[in-house]
Amino acid sequence: MTAGKIVAVMLTACVALILSHPATLAQATDRHAVHRFANVVDLTHALDEYTPYIPVPGLTFPFKKTPIATVVKNGVAANRWEIHEHLGTQIDAPIHFFEGALSLDQLPVASLVVPLAVIDISARVASHPDTSVTVADIEAWERQHGRIPERAAVMMRSGWDSRIDDARAFVNADAGGVMHFPGFSPEAASFLARSRQAAGIGVDTLSLDRGDDATYATHKAWLGTGNWGAELVANLQHVPPVGATVFVGATKVKGATGGPVRLIAVW
C-alpha cells in the first residue's frame, strides 16, 4: 500500500470515528470554550469622601485620599488612603462581632462565588423605613421563585441606594440621632443560616440591622453562624430575583474584621 493510500485510510477512519462519536468532538470543543455572560452588573458604589457611613464619635470617619506621588513630579502616581474597614460597599466577617471567629482572610473561597437571591421590599420601605426583611418575606419569595438555593447570597433590595448622593438622607437620623432605614430581622437572618444554609446576606443600606436597632441583633444572629454580610450594595434593581451568580471580591487582609468589597453579579 502506498503512503498516499495509507493517509487516505487513516483520514477515513478518523472521520468515521468522529461521526460515530459526535459527543467526543463537542466535549473537546467545550473544554476550550470561554464562557461569556450575557449580563454583568456592578453591585458596588464608588468610594469617595462623600460616601455615607454610620457616625460613631471617636471611631468612624469619612474616606480620604491624598496624593503622595504624581506622574509630573515623580514619574508615577500613587495615593495614600485614610479608611476604616467598614466604609462604602463592604463586607463584614464573623470576627466583626465575635472574638476568635473567622476573619476576612479566613472566609472560605467557595462562599464568595455563590447564587444570588434578591428580595424586594422597596414598596413597603417607601412608607415605612423602619421595616425589615422577615421570614414571611422569604417564604413569599420562595412561593414565587422556588426554594432559595443552598449556599446562596440573599440580598435585600429596598431602593435605599437611590439616596447615595445625599449622605444625610442615607443615614436618615432623627433629632435624637436615631437612624431610620431597613435591614434584615434577626429571625430572618437565623432562618437563612439554619434553614436555608445561606452563605451570605446583603443590604443596600448602611447596616444588616435596621437603623433604629442599636443592639446589632441581626449582626449577632447572622455573623454568629460563621457567614459574611455585605452592606451598601448597589444596583440590585438591575439584577433578577433569582438566576444570577455573585462574585464577592473581598480584600485579603490578615485578621481584618471587614473591608471594601467589589461585588459583581452575572447571569
C-alpha atoms as a PDB file:
ATOM      1  CA  MET A   1       0.000   0.000   0.000  1.00  0.00           C
ATOM      2  CA  THR A   2       1.390   3.380  -0.977  1.00  0.00           C
ATOM      3  CA  ALA A   3       1.888   6.227   1.507  1.00  0.00           C
ATOM      4  CA  GLY A   4      -0.965   8.138  -0.110  1.00  0.00           C
ATOM      5  CA  LYS A   5      -3.361   5.236   0.343  1.00  0.00           C
ATOM      6  CA  ILE A   6      -2.277   4.850   3.986  1.00  0.00           C
ATOM      7  CA  VAL A   7      -3.029   8.531   4.680  1.00  0.00           C
ATOM      8  CA  ALA A   8      -6.395   8.247   2.956  1.00  0.00           C
ATOM      9  CA  VAL A   9      -7.332   5.204   5.010  1.00  0.00           C
ATOM     10  CA  MET A  10      -6.313   6.955   8.233  1.00  0.00           C
ATOM     11  CA  LEU A  11      -8.343  10.067   7.375  1.00  0.00           C
ATOM     12  CA  THR A  12     -11.364   7.939   6.509  1.00  0.00           C
ATOM     13  CA  ALA A  13     -11.062   6.127   9.841  1.00  0.00           C
ATOM     14  CA  CYS A  14     -10.811   9.425  11.747  1.00  0.00           C
ATOM     15  CA  VAL A  15     -13.887  10.851  10.029  1.00  0.00           C
ATOM     16  CA  ALA A  16     -15.812   7.661  10.723  1.00  0.00           C
ATOM     17  CA  LEU A  17     -14.807   7.820  14.397  1.00  0.00           C
ATOM     18  CA  ILE A  18     -15.922  11.448  14.752  1.00  0.00           C
ATOM     19  CA  LEU A  19     -19.212  10.773  13.009  1.00  0.00           C
ATOM     20  CA  SER A  20     -19.880   7.777  15.222  1.00  0.00           C
ATOM     21  CA  HIS A  21     -18.987   9.717  18.413  1.00  0.00           C
ATOM     22  CA  PRO A  22     -20.131  13.343  17.870  1.00  0.00           C
ATOM     23  CA  ALA A  23     -20.173  13.974  21.610  1.00  0.00           C
ATOM     24  CA  THR A  24     -16.415  13.413  21.757  1.00  0.00           C
ATOM     25  CA  LEU A  25     -15.777  16.365  19.426  1.00  0.00           C
ATOM     26  CA  ALA A  26     -18.286  18.537  21.279  1.00  0.00           C
ATOM     27  CA  GLN A  27     -16.687  17.740  24.640  1.00  0.00           C
ATOM     28  CA  ALA A  28     -13.229  18.545  23.305  1.00  0.00           C
ATOM     29  CA  THR A  29     -14.513  21.859  21.966  1.00  0.00           C
ATOM     30  CA  ASP A  30     -16.311  22.682  25.242  1.00  0.00           C
ATOM     31  CA  ARG A  31     -13.132  22.207  27.243  1.00  0.00           C
ATOM     32  CA  HIS A  32     -11.508  25.061  25.359  1.00  0.00           C
ATOM     33  CA  ALA A  33     -14.572  27.326  25.157  1.00  0.00           C
ATOM     34  CA  VAL A  34     -14.530  30.644  27.019  1.00  0.00           C
ATOM     35  CA  HIS A  35     -17.759  31.199  28.953  1.00  0.00           C
ATOM     36  CA  ARG A  36     -19.351  34.566  28.227  1.00  0.00           C
ATOM     37  CA  PHE A  37     -22.062  36.041  30.459  1.00  0.00           C
ATOM     38  CA  ALA A  38     -24.945  37.814  28.776  1.00  0.00           C
ATOM     39  CA  ASN A  39     -25.290  40.195  31.735  1.00  0.00           C
ATOM     40  CA  VAL A  40     -22.692  41.658  34.110  1.00  0.00           C
ATOM     41  CA  VAL A  41     -23.801  44.168  36.778  1.00  0.00           C
ATOM     42  CA  ASP A  42     -21.576  46.035  39.229  1.00  0.00           C
ATOM     43  CA  LEU A  43     -23.173  45.971  42.690  1.00  0.00           C
ATOM     44  CA  THR A  44     -20.546  48.331  44.115  1.00  0.00           C
ATOM     45  CA  HIS A  45     -20.679  52.052  44.896  1.00  0.00           C
ATOM     46  CA  ALA A  46     -17.601  54.116  44.065  1.00  0.00           C
ATOM     47  CA  LEU A  47     -15.911  55.161  47.315  1.00  0.00           C
ATOM     48  CA  ASP A  48     -15.069  58.820  47.922  1.00  0.00           C
ATOM     49  CA  GLU A  49     -15.073  61.407  50.696  1.00  0.00           C
ATOM     50  CA  TYR A  50     -18.847  61.859  50.342  1.00  0.00           C
ATOM     51  CA  THR A  51     -19.744  58.205  50.826  1.00  0.00           C
ATOM     52  CA  PRO A  52     -22.236  57.844  53.720  1.00  0.00           C
ATOM     53  CA  TYR A  53     -21.180  55.962  56.855  1.00  0.00           C
ATOM     54  CA  ILE A  54     -22.544  55.267  60.329  1.00  0.00           C
ATOM     55  CA  PRO A  55     -21.363  58.171  62.510  1.00  0.00           C
ATOM     56  CA  VAL A  56     -19.761  56.885  65.736  1.00  0.00           C
ATOM     57  CA  PRO A  57     -17.924  59.691  67.571  1.00  0.00           C
ATOM     58  CA  GLY A  58     -14.241  58.947  68.009  1.00  0.00           C
ATOM     59  CA  LEU A  59     -14.380  55.796  65.858  1.00  0.00           C
ATOM     60  CA  THR A  60     -15.690  56.297  62.328  1.00  0.00           C
ATOM     61  CA  PHE A  61     -14.673  58.943  59.816  1.00  0.00           C
ATOM     62  CA  PRO A  62     -15.053  59.681  56.093  1.00  0.00           C
ATOM     63  CA  PHE A  63     -12.802  58.232  53.434  1.00  0.00           C
ATOM     64  CA  LYS A  64      -9.848  60.447  52.472  1.00  0.00           C
ATOM     65  CA  LYS A  65      -7.463  60.116  49.526  1.00  0.00           C
ATOM     66  CA  THR A  66      -4.257  62.166  49.398  1.00  0.00           C
ATOM     67  CA  PRO A  67      -1.671  62.120  46.564  1.00  0.00           C
ATOM     68  CA  ILE A  68       1.795  61.008  47.678  1.00  0.00           C
ATOM     69  CA  ALA A  69       3.308  60.925  44.176  1.00  0.00           C
ATOM     70  CA  THR A  70       2.366  62.336  40.787  1.00  0.00           C
ATOM     71  CA  VAL A  71       3.394  61.461  37.247  1.00  0.00           C
ATOM     72  CA  VAL A  72       4.599  65.046  36.660  1.00  0.00           C
ATOM     73  CA  LYS A  73       6.779  65.143  39.778  1.00  0.00           C
ATOM     74  CA  ASN A  74       7.723  61.510  40.372  1.00  0.00           C
ATOM     75  CA  GLY A  75       7.095  59.725  37.103  1.00  0.00           C
ATOM     76  CA  VAL A  76       4.450  57.593  38.791  1.00  0.00           C
ATOM     77  CA  ALA A  77       1.155  58.313  40.532  1.00  0.00           C
ATOM     78  CA  ALA A  78       0.120  56.971  43.946  1.00  0.00           C
ATOM     79  CA  ASN A  79      -2.264  57.958  46.744  1.00  0.00           C
ATOM     80  CA  ARG A  80      -2.493  57.422  50.490  1.00  0.00           C
ATOM     81  CA  TRP A  81      -5.883  56.271  51.743  1.00  0.00           C
ATOM     82  CA  GLU A  82      -7.353  57.025  55.141  1.00  0.00           C
ATOM     83  CA  ILE A  83     -10.049  54.456  55.719  1.00  0.00           C
ATOM     84  CA  HIS A  84     -11.577  52.185  58.315  1.00  0.00           C
ATOM     85  CA  GLU A  85     -12.731  48.668  57.474  1.00  0.00           C
ATOM     86  CA  HIS A  86     -16.446  49.443  57.333  1.00  0.00           C
ATOM     87  CA  LEU A  87     -16.743  52.152  54.695  1.00  0.00           C
ATOM     88  CA  GLY A  88     -18.547  52.087  51.363  1.00  0.00           C
ATOM     89  CA  THR A  89     -19.685  48.848  49.766  1.00  0.00           C
ATOM     90  CA  GLN A  90     -18.074  46.493  52.241  1.00  0.00           C
ATOM     91  CA  ILE A  91     -18.138  43.074  53.811  1.00  0.00           C
ATOM     92  CA  ASP A  92     -18.384  42.037  57.457  1.00  0.00           C
ATOM     93  CA  ALA A  93     -16.536  38.933  58.647  1.00  0.00           C
ATOM     94  CA  PRO A  94     -17.743  36.997  61.716  1.00  0.00           C
ATOM     95  CA  ILE A  95     -14.849  38.396  63.783  1.00  0.00           C
ATOM     96  CA  HIS A  96     -16.518  41.811  63.487  1.00  0.00           C
ATOM     97  CA  PHE A  97     -18.730  40.784  66.430  1.00  0.00           C
ATOM     98  CA  PHE A  98     -17.186  37.599  67.781  1.00  0.00           C
ATOM     99  CA  GLU A  99     -13.686  37.306  69.241  1.00  0.00           C
ATOM    100  CA  GLY A 100     -11.796  34.424  67.667  1.00  0.00           C
ATOM    101  CA  ALA A 101     -14.298  33.928  64.838  1.00  0.00           C
ATOM    102  CA  LEU A 102     -13.367  33.885  61.138  1.00  0.00           C
ATOM    103  CA  SER A 103     -11.548  36.987  59.925  1.00  0.00           C
ATOM    104  CA  LEU A 104     -11.867  38.322  56.391  1.00  0.00           C
ATOM    105  CA  ASP A 105      -8.876  36.392  55.057  1.00  0.00           C
ATOM    106  CA  GLN A 106     -10.229  33.152  56.541  1.00  0.00           C
ATOM    107  CA  LEU A 107     -13.584  33.160  54.747  1.00  0.00           C
ATOM    108  CA  PRO A 108     -13.861  30.051  52.537  1.00  0.00           C
ATOM    109  CA  VAL A 109     -13.307  30.980  48.902  1.00  0.00           C
ATOM    110  CA  ALA A 110     -16.288  28.814  47.905  1.00  0.00           C
ATOM    111  CA  SER A 111     -18.557  31.125  49.919  1.00  0.00           C
ATOM    112  CA  LEU A 112     -17.524  34.117  47.781  1.00  0.00           C
ATOM    113  CA  VAL A 113     -18.859  32.856  44.422  1.00  0.00           C
ATOM    114  CA  VAL A 114     -22.457  31.856  45.009  1.00  0.00           C
ATOM    115  CA  PRO A 115     -26.021  32.010  43.636  1.00  0.00           C
ATOM    116  CA  LEU A 116     -27.770  35.321  44.251  1.00  0.00           C
ATOM    117  CA  ALA A 117     -31.332  35.757  45.502  1.00  0.00           C
ATOM    118  CA  VAL A 118     -32.797  39.290  45.674  1.00  0.00           C
ATOM    119  CA  ILE A 119     -35.778  40.038  47.926  1.00  0.00           C
ATOM    120  CA  ASP A 120     -37.560  43.277  47.005  1.00  0.00           C
ATOM    121  CA  ILE A 121     -39.219  45.169  49.871  1.00  0.00           C
ATOM    122  CA  SER A 122     -38.959  48.611  48.248  1.00  0.00           C
ATOM    123  CA  ALA A 123     -42.732  49.149  48.076  1.00  0.00           C
ATOM    124  CA  ARG A 124     -43.020  48.772  51.854  1.00  0.00           C
ATOM    125  CA  VAL A 125     -39.940  50.888  52.588  1.00  0.00           C
ATOM    126  CA  ALA A 126     -41.421  53.888  50.801  1.00  0.00           C
ATOM    127  CA  SER A 127     -43.909  54.396  53.648  1.00  0.00           C
ATOM    128  CA  HIS A 128     -42.126  52.544  56.457  1.00  0.00           C
ATOM    129  CA  PRO A 129     -38.342  52.947  56.506  1.00  0.00           C
ATOM    130  CA  ASP A 130     -38.034  51.027  59.786  1.00  0.00           C
ATOM    131  CA  THR A 131     -39.221  47.808  58.182  1.00  0.00           C
ATOM    132  CA  SER A 132     -37.233  44.571  57.892  1.00  0.00           C
ATOM    133  CA  VAL A 133     -36.913  41.536  55.669  1.00  0.00           C
ATOM    134  CA  THR A 134     -38.893  38.922  57.598  1.00  0.00           C
ATOM    135  CA  VAL A 135     -39.258  35.151  57.448  1.00  0.00           C
ATOM    136  CA  ALA A 136     -42.662  35.799  55.850  1.00  0.00           C
ATOM    137  CA  ASP A 137     -40.940  37.816  53.085  1.00  0.00           C
ATOM    138  CA  ILE A 138     -38.569  34.912  52.432  1.00  0.00           C
ATOM    139  CA  GLU A 139     -41.421  32.401  52.287  1.00  0.00           C
ATOM    140  CA  ALA A 140     -43.402  34.663  49.930  1.00  0.00           C
ATOM    141  CA  TRP A 141     -40.334  34.952  47.688  1.00  0.00           C
ATOM    142  CA  GLU A 142     -39.996  31.167  47.626  1.00  0.00           C
ATOM    143  CA  ARG A 143     -43.627  30.665  46.658  1.00  0.00           C
ATOM    144  CA  GLN A 144     -42.938  32.752  43.570  1.00  0.00           C
ATOM    145  CA  HIS A 145     -39.365  31.751  42.693  1.00  0.00           C
ATOM    146  CA  GLY A 146     -38.768  28.400  44.360  1.00  0.00           C
ATOM    147  CA  ARG A 147     -36.616  27.483  47.324  1.00  0.00           C
ATOM    148  CA  ILE A 148     -33.561  29.667  47.908  1.00  0.00           C
ATOM    149  CA  PRO A 149     -30.530  27.753  46.594  1.00  0.00           C
ATOM    150  CA  GLU A 150     -28.240  26.295  49.221  1.00  0.00           C
ATOM    151  CA  ARG A 151     -25.123  28.415  49.923  1.00  0.00           C
ATOM    152  CA  ALA A 152     -26.694  31.431  48.212  1.00  0.00           C
ATOM    153  CA  ALA A 153     -26.227  35.117  48.956  1.00  0.00           C
ATOM    154  CA  VAL A 154     -29.604  36.629  49.850  1.00  0.00           C
ATOM    155  CA  MET A 155     -29.790  40.375  49.372  1.00  0.00           C
ATOM    156  CA  MET A 156     -32.387  42.937  50.372  1.00  0.00           C
ATOM    157  CA  ARG A 157     -33.488  45.374  47.693  1.00  0.00           C
ATOM    158  CA  SER A 158     -35.059  48.316  49.489  1.00  0.00           C
ATOM    159  CA  GLY A 159     -34.329  51.068  46.960  1.00  0.00           C
ATOM    160  CA  TRP A 160     -32.279  52.898  49.600  1.00  0.00           C
ATOM    161  CA  ASP A 161     -29.293  53.241  47.268  1.00  0.00           C
ATOM    162  CA  SER A 162     -31.211  55.955  45.376  1.00  0.00           C
ATOM    163  CA  ARG A 163     -30.146  58.218  48.275  1.00  0.00           C
ATOM    164  CA  ILE A 164     -26.420  57.533  47.872  1.00  0.00           C
ATOM    165  CA  ASP A 165     -25.589  61.096  46.750  1.00  0.00           C
ATOM    166  CA  ASP A 166     -27.229  62.599  49.851  1.00  0.00           C
ATOM    167  CA  ALA A 167     -25.402  61.344  52.932  1.00  0.00           C
ATOM    168  CA  ARG A 168     -27.855  62.949  55.348  1.00  0.00           C
ATOM    169  CA  ALA A 169     -30.840  61.277  53.683  1.00  0.00           C
ATOM    170  CA  PHE A 170     -28.960  57.985  53.516  1.00  0.00           C
ATOM    171  CA  VAL A 171     -28.140  57.957  57.238  1.00  0.00           C
ATOM    172  CA  ASN A 172     -31.649  59.340  57.903  1.00  0.00           C
ATOM    173  CA  ALA A 173     -31.095  60.218  61.559  1.00  0.00           C
ATOM    174  CA  ASP A 174     -33.819  61.953  63.532  1.00  0.00           C
ATOM    175  CA  ALA A 175     -33.353  64.824  66.004  1.00  0.00           C
ATOM    176  CA  GLY A 176     -32.319  62.335  68.679  1.00  0.00           C
ATOM    177  CA  GLY A 177     -29.650  60.760  66.467  1.00  0.00           C
ATOM    178  CA  VAL A 178     -31.614  57.547  65.859  1.00  0.00           C
ATOM    179  CA  MET A 179     -31.158  56.293  62.304  1.00  0.00           C
ATOM    180  CA  HIS A 180     -34.070  55.043  60.227  1.00  0.00           C
ATOM    181  CA  PHE A 181     -33.520  52.601  57.364  1.00  0.00           C
ATOM    182  CA  PRO A 182     -34.465  48.961  56.678  1.00  0.00           C
ATOM    183  CA  GLY A 183     -32.477  45.772  57.241  1.00  0.00           C
ATOM    184  CA  PHE A 184     -32.905  42.075  57.933  1.00  0.00           C
ATOM    185  CA  SER A 185     -34.782  40.963  61.038  1.00  0.00           C
ATOM    186  CA  PRO A 186     -32.760  38.734  63.391  1.00  0.00           C
ATOM    187  CA  GLU A 187     -35.317  35.976  62.842  1.00  0.00           C
ATOM    188  CA  ALA A 188     -34.885  36.150  59.061  1.00  0.00           C
ATOM    189  CA  ALA A 189     -31.105  36.051  59.412  1.00  0.00           C
ATOM    190  CA  SER A 190     -31.274  32.971  61.647  1.00  0.00           C
ATOM    191  CA  PHE A 191     -33.764  31.305  59.288  1.00  0.00           C
ATOM    192  CA  LEU A 192     -31.496  31.856  56.269  1.00  0.00           C
ATOM    193  CA  ALA A 193     -28.474  30.480  58.108  1.00  0.00           C
ATOM    194  CA  ARG A 194     -30.069  27.452  59.733  1.00  0.00           C
ATOM    195  CA  SER A 195     -32.939  26.508  57.419  1.00  0.00           C
ATOM    196  CA  ARG A 196     -31.556  27.599  54.031  1.00  0.00           C
ATOM    197  CA  GLN A 197     -27.788  27.298  54.641  1.00  0.00           C
ATOM    198  CA  ALA A 198     -27.173  30.692  53.002  1.00  0.00           C
ATOM    199  CA  ALA A 199     -23.546  31.764  52.569  1.00  0.00           C
ATOM    200  CA  GLY A 200     -24.099  35.495  52.866  1.00  0.00           C
ATOM    201  CA  ILE A 201     -26.654  38.258  53.169  1.00  0.00           C
ATOM    202  CA  GLY A 202     -26.506  41.782  51.796  1.00  0.00           C
ATOM    203  CA  VAL A 203     -28.308  45.097  52.095  1.00  0.00           C
ATOM    204  CA  ASP A 204     -28.397  48.332  50.102  1.00  0.00           C
ATOM    205  CA  THR A 205     -28.308  50.310  53.362  1.00  0.00           C
ATOM    206  CA  LEU A 206     -25.583  51.031  55.930  1.00  0.00           C
ATOM    207  CA  SER A 207     -26.223  48.016  58.148  1.00  0.00           C
ATOM    208  CA  LEU A 208     -27.550  44.467  58.176  1.00  0.00           C
ATOM    209  CA  ASP A 209     -29.713  45.706  61.070  1.00  0.00           C
ATOM    210  CA  ARG A 210     -32.479  48.241  60.892  1.00  0.00           C
ATOM    211  CA  GLY A 211     -31.133  51.701  61.532  1.00  0.00           C
ATOM    212  CA  ASP A 212     -33.020  52.065  64.811  1.00  0.00           C
ATOM    213  CA  ASP A 213     -31.526  48.888  66.341  1.00  0.00           C
ATOM    214  CA  ALA A 214     -28.560  49.943  68.459  1.00  0.00           C
ATOM    215  CA  THR A 215     -28.112  46.380  69.788  1.00  0.00           C
ATOM    216  CA  TYR A 216     -26.997  44.977  66.405  1.00  0.00           C
ATOM    217  CA  ALA A 217     -29.241  41.941  66.906  1.00  0.00           C
ATOM    218  CA  THR A 218     -29.129  40.921  63.242  1.00  0.00           C
ATOM    219  CA  HIS A 219     -25.350  41.235  63.021  1.00  0.00           C
ATOM    220  CA  LYS A 220     -25.058  38.936  66.028  1.00  0.00           C
ATOM    221  CA  ALA A 221     -27.651  36.449  64.788  1.00  0.00           C
ATOM    222  CA  TRP A 222     -26.039  36.245  61.349  1.00  0.00           C
ATOM    223  CA  LEU A 223     -22.290  36.603  61.916  1.00  0.00           C
ATOM    224  CA  GLY A 224     -22.547  34.190  64.808  1.00  0.00           C
ATOM    225  CA  THR A 225     -23.232  31.434  62.266  1.00  0.00           C
ATOM    226  CA  GLY A 226     -19.831  31.973  60.606  1.00  0.00           C
ATOM    227  CA  ASN A 227     -21.080  33.685  57.454  1.00  0.00           C
ATOM    228  CA  TRP A 228     -20.356  37.028  55.772  1.00  0.00           C
ATOM    229  CA  GLY A 229     -22.590  40.076  55.357  1.00  0.00           C
ATOM    230  CA  ALA A 230     -22.371  42.848  52.756  1.00  0.00           C
ATOM    231  CA  GLU A 231     -23.561  46.429  53.176  1.00  0.00           C
ATOM    232  CA  LEU A 232     -24.100  49.422  50.890  1.00  0.00           C
ATOM    233  CA  VAL A 233     -24.821  47.145  47.927  1.00  0.00           C
ATOM    234  CA  ALA A 234     -25.666  48.980  44.689  1.00  0.00           C
ATOM    235  CA  ASN A 235     -27.850  48.355  41.627  1.00  0.00           C
ATOM    236  CA  LEU A 236     -29.945  45.451  42.897  1.00  0.00           C
ATOM    237  CA  GLN A 237     -32.820  46.807  40.796  1.00  0.00           C
ATOM    238  CA  HIS A 238     -30.844  45.690  37.730  1.00  0.00           C
ATOM    239  CA  VAL A 239     -30.496  42.074  38.880  1.00  0.00           C
ATOM    240  CA  PRO A 240     -33.184  39.353  38.575  1.00  0.00           C
ATOM    241  CA  PRO A 241     -34.712  37.938  41.783  1.00  0.00           C
ATOM    242  CA  VAL A 242     -33.143  34.564  41.009  1.00  0.00           C
ATOM    243  CA  GLY A 243     -30.734  33.138  38.439  1.00  0.00           C
ATOM    244  CA  ALA A 244     -27.653  35.325  38.895  1.00  0.00           C
ATOM    245  CA  THR A 245     -24.308  34.473  40.472  1.00  0.00           C
ATOM    246  CA  VAL A 246     -22.463  36.991  42.640  1.00  0.00           C
ATOM    247  CA  PHE A 247     -18.685  37.289  42.818  1.00  0.00           C
ATOM    248  CA  VAL A 248     -17.619  38.725  46.179  1.00  0.00           C
ATOM    249  CA  GLY A 249     -14.214  40.343  45.708  1.00  0.00           C
ATOM    250  CA  ALA A 250     -13.222  40.586  49.364  1.00  0.00           C
ATOM    251  CA  THR A 251      -9.829  42.043  50.238  1.00  0.00           C
ATOM    252  CA  LYS A 252      -7.489  39.506  51.862  1.00  0.00           C
ATOM    253  CA  VAL A 253      -6.064  41.272  54.904  1.00  0.00           C
ATOM    254  CA  LYS A 254      -4.987  39.051  57.787  1.00  0.00           C
ATOM    255  CA  GLY A 255      -7.145  39.474  60.848  1.00  0.00           C
ATOM    256  CA  ALA A 256      -9.461  42.013  59.205  1.00  0.00           C
ATOM    257  CA  THR A 257     -12.993  42.373  60.584  1.00  0.00           C
ATOM    258  CA  GLY A 258     -14.186  43.503  57.172  1.00  0.00           C
ATOM    259  CA  GLY A 259     -13.205  45.726  54.300  1.00  0.00           C
ATOM    260  CA  PRO A 260     -14.127  47.268  50.953  1.00  0.00           C
ATOM    261  CA  VAL A 261     -15.511  44.711  48.525  1.00  0.00           C
ATOM    262  CA  ARG A 262     -16.213  44.628  44.789  1.00  0.00           C
ATOM    263  CA  LEU A 263     -19.499  42.825  44.149  1.00  0.00           C
ATOM    264  CA  ILE A 264     -20.280  41.686  40.599  1.00  0.00           C
ATOM    265  CA  ALA A 265     -23.423  39.836  39.527  1.00  0.00           C
ATOM    266  CA  VAL A 266     -23.516  37.768  36.316  1.00  0.00           C
ATOM    267  CA  TRP A 267     -26.114  35.648  34.548  1.00  0.00           C
END
